[in-house]
């Protein structure tokens, strides 16, 4: 999944009944990742322009990209 936002915008991840993570790796300007969680909502604000790829370290192939303009 890919989402485009303006600098200073936020993205919200909604975790259902399965545990997930959001990991950005070592990308300069990326916000903090999200540790193991389920049945909760987490948001992150992106203050730096760029393309930020993320993955769920629990589920292979699950991830996306946040494009910040």
N, C-alpha and C. Protein backbone atom coordinates (compact mmCIF):
# COMPACT_ATOMS: atom_id res chain seq x y z
N UNK A 1 0.83 -1.19 0.00
CA UNK A 1 0.00 0.00 0.00
C UNK A 1 0.86 1.24 0.00
N UNK A 2 0.43 2.25 -0.71
CA UNK A 2 1.14 3.51 -0.78
C UNK A 2 0.18 4.65 -0.44
N UNK A 3 0.68 5.59 0.34
CA UNK A 3 -0.12 6.76 0.68
C UNK A 3 0.77 7.98 0.49
N UNK A 4 0.21 9.08 -0.02
CA UNK A 4 0.94 10.33 -0.20
C UNK A 4 0.36 11.37 0.74
N UNK A 5 1.24 12.05 1.48
CA UNK A 5 0.81 13.08 2.42
C UNK A 5 1.74 14.28 2.30
N UNK A 6 1.31 15.39 2.88
CA UNK A 6 2.16 16.58 2.94
C UNK A 6 3.06 16.50 4.15
N UNK A 7 4.20 17.18 4.06
CA UNK A 7 5.12 17.23 5.20
C UNK A 7 4.38 17.76 6.42
N UNK A 8 4.55 17.12 7.56
CA UNK A 8 3.84 17.47 8.78
C UNK A 8 2.54 16.70 8.95
N UNK A 9 2.18 15.90 7.95
CA UNK A 9 0.97 15.08 8.02
C UNK A 9 1.20 13.80 8.79
N UNK A 10 0.11 13.13 9.10
CA UNK A 10 0.17 11.89 9.88
C UNK A 10 -0.46 10.73 9.12
N UNK A 11 0.00 9.53 9.47
CA UNK A 11 -0.58 8.30 8.96
C UNK A 11 -0.99 7.47 10.17
N UNK A 12 -2.16 6.84 10.08
CA UNK A 12 -2.67 6.02 11.18
C UNK A 12 -2.77 4.57 10.73
N UNK A 13 -2.22 3.67 11.54
CA UNK A 13 -2.33 2.24 11.32
C UNK A 13 -3.33 1.70 12.31
N UNK A 14 -4.24 0.85 11.84
CA UNK A 14 -5.25 0.24 12.69
C UNK A 14 -4.96 -1.26 12.74
N UNK A 15 -4.60 -1.73 13.93
CA UNK A 15 -4.29 -3.15 14.12
C UNK A 15 -5.53 -3.85 14.65
N UNK A 16 -5.94 -4.89 13.95
CA UNK A 16 -7.10 -5.68 14.38
C UNK A 16 -6.69 -6.73 15.40
N UNK A 17 -7.21 -7.94 15.23
CA UNK A 17 -6.98 -8.99 16.22
C UNK A 17 -5.63 -9.68 16.07
N UNK A 18 -4.92 -9.43 14.95
CA UNK A 18 -3.59 -10.02 14.75
C UNK A 18 -2.52 -9.01 15.15
N UNK A 19 -1.42 -9.50 15.68
CA UNK A 19 -0.30 -8.66 16.06
C UNK A 19 0.47 -8.22 14.82
N UNK A 20 0.84 -6.95 14.77
CA UNK A 20 1.63 -6.37 13.66
C UNK A 20 2.70 -5.46 14.22
N UNK A 21 3.63 -5.09 13.36
CA UNK A 21 4.62 -4.05 13.64
C UNK A 21 4.67 -3.11 12.44
N UNK A 22 5.26 -1.94 12.64
CA UNK A 22 5.59 -1.04 11.54
C UNK A 22 7.06 -0.67 11.75
N UNK A 23 7.90 -1.10 10.81
CA UNK A 23 9.34 -0.88 10.93
C UNK A 23 9.84 -0.15 9.69
N UNK A 24 10.48 1.00 9.91
CA UNK A 24 10.99 1.81 8.81
C UNK A 24 12.45 1.51 8.50
N UNK A 25 13.11 0.71 9.28
CA UNK A 25 14.52 0.45 9.07
C UNK A 25 15.32 1.68 9.45
N UNK A 26 16.43 1.87 8.79
CA UNK A 26 17.34 2.96 9.12
C UNK A 26 17.22 4.08 8.09
N UNK A 27 16.02 4.61 7.92
CA UNK A 27 15.78 5.66 6.94
C UNK A 27 15.83 7.03 7.61
N UNK A 28 16.76 7.89 7.22
CA UNK A 28 16.83 9.23 7.81
C UNK A 28 15.51 9.98 7.64
N UNK A 29 15.03 10.59 8.72
CA UNK A 29 13.80 11.37 8.67
C UNK A 29 12.54 10.57 8.96
N UNK A 30 12.66 9.25 9.06
CA UNK A 30 11.48 8.42 9.34
C UNK A 30 11.11 8.56 10.82
N UNK A 31 9.82 8.49 11.12
CA UNK A 31 9.41 8.52 12.52
C UNK A 31 9.74 7.19 13.20
N UNK A 32 9.52 7.13 14.48
CA UNK A 32 9.74 5.89 15.22
C UNK A 32 8.78 4.82 14.72
N UNK A 33 9.24 3.59 14.72
CA UNK A 33 8.40 2.47 14.32
C UNK A 33 7.37 2.17 15.40
N UNK A 34 6.58 1.15 15.14
CA UNK A 34 5.55 0.71 16.08
C UNK A 34 5.86 -0.72 16.47
N UNK A 35 5.99 -0.96 17.79
CA UNK A 35 6.27 -2.30 18.29
C UNK A 35 5.06 -3.20 18.17
N UNK A 36 5.27 -4.48 18.47
CA UNK A 36 4.19 -5.47 18.41
C UNK A 36 2.92 -4.92 19.04
N UNK A 37 1.82 -5.04 18.32
CA UNK A 37 0.56 -4.58 18.87
C UNK A 37 -0.62 -5.16 18.13
N UNK A 38 -1.74 -5.21 18.81
CA UNK A 38 -2.99 -5.64 18.21
C UNK A 38 -4.14 -4.92 18.91
N UNK A 39 -5.27 -4.89 18.26
CA UNK A 39 -6.48 -4.24 18.79
C UNK A 39 -6.21 -2.81 19.27
N UNK A 40 -5.48 -2.07 18.45
CA UNK A 40 -5.21 -0.67 18.80
C UNK A 40 -4.94 0.14 17.53
N UNK A 41 -4.90 1.45 17.69
CA UNK A 41 -4.61 2.38 16.62
C UNK A 41 -3.37 3.17 16.98
N UNK A 42 -2.45 3.34 16.02
CA UNK A 42 -1.22 4.10 16.23
C UNK A 42 -1.03 5.07 15.06
N UNK A 43 -0.63 6.29 15.37
CA UNK A 43 -0.36 7.29 14.33
C UNK A 43 1.09 7.74 14.42
N UNK A 44 1.63 8.15 13.28
CA UNK A 44 2.96 8.72 13.21
C UNK A 44 2.91 9.96 12.33
N UNK A 45 3.65 10.99 12.74
CA UNK A 45 3.75 12.24 11.99
C UNK A 45 5.05 12.23 11.20
N UNK A 46 4.98 12.69 9.95
CA UNK A 46 6.13 12.71 9.05
C UNK A 46 6.51 14.16 8.78
N UNK A 47 7.66 14.57 9.33
CA UNK A 47 8.10 15.96 9.21
C UNK A 47 9.15 16.18 8.13
N UNK A 48 9.59 15.11 7.50
CA UNK A 48 10.64 15.18 6.48
C UNK A 48 10.09 14.67 5.15
N UNK A 49 10.35 15.41 4.07
CA UNK A 49 9.92 14.96 2.74
C UNK A 49 10.75 13.75 2.31
N UNK A 50 10.12 12.85 1.57
CA UNK A 50 10.82 11.68 1.05
C UNK A 50 9.88 10.50 0.91
N UNK A 51 10.46 9.36 0.56
CA UNK A 51 9.71 8.10 0.44
C UNK A 51 10.14 7.20 1.58
N UNK A 52 9.19 6.78 2.38
CA UNK A 52 9.48 5.98 3.55
C UNK A 52 8.80 4.62 3.44
N UNK A 53 9.62 3.60 3.17
CA UNK A 53 9.11 2.23 3.07
C UNK A 53 9.03 1.63 4.46
N UNK A 54 7.99 0.84 4.69
CA UNK A 54 7.86 0.17 5.98
C UNK A 54 7.43 -1.28 5.76
N UNK A 55 7.72 -2.12 6.75
CA UNK A 55 7.32 -3.52 6.72
C UNK A 55 6.79 -3.93 8.09
N UNK A 56 6.01 -4.99 8.08
CA UNK A 56 5.63 -5.68 9.30
C UNK A 56 6.64 -6.81 9.45
N UNK A 57 7.40 -6.80 10.53
CA UNK A 57 8.44 -7.83 10.70
C UNK A 57 7.87 -9.19 11.07
N UNK A 58 6.58 -9.26 11.32
CA UNK A 58 5.94 -10.53 11.67
C UNK A 58 5.40 -11.24 10.43
N UNK A 59 4.89 -10.48 9.48
CA UNK A 59 4.23 -11.04 8.30
C UNK A 59 5.01 -10.72 7.03
N UNK A 60 5.63 -11.72 6.44
CA UNK A 60 6.42 -11.54 5.23
C UNK A 60 5.55 -10.95 4.12
N UNK A 61 6.09 -9.96 3.42
CA UNK A 61 5.39 -9.36 2.30
C UNK A 61 4.40 -8.28 2.68
N UNK A 62 4.21 -8.01 3.96
CA UNK A 62 3.27 -6.99 4.40
C UNK A 62 4.03 -5.70 4.65
N UNK A 63 3.67 -4.67 3.95
CA UNK A 63 4.34 -3.38 4.11
C UNK A 63 3.76 -2.37 3.15
N UNK A 64 4.45 -1.25 3.04
CA UNK A 64 3.97 -0.22 2.15
C UNK A 64 4.95 0.93 2.09
N UNK A 65 4.47 2.06 1.59
CA UNK A 65 5.31 3.24 1.41
C UNK A 65 4.50 4.48 1.77
N UNK A 66 5.13 5.38 2.50
CA UNK A 66 4.55 6.69 2.76
C UNK A 66 5.37 7.69 1.96
N UNK A 67 4.71 8.41 1.05
CA UNK A 67 5.36 9.44 0.24
C UNK A 67 5.02 10.77 0.87
N UNK A 68 6.05 11.49 1.29
CA UNK A 68 5.85 12.78 1.96
C UNK A 68 6.37 13.86 1.04
N UNK A 69 5.51 14.82 0.70
CA UNK A 69 5.88 15.89 -0.22
C UNK A 69 6.03 17.22 0.49
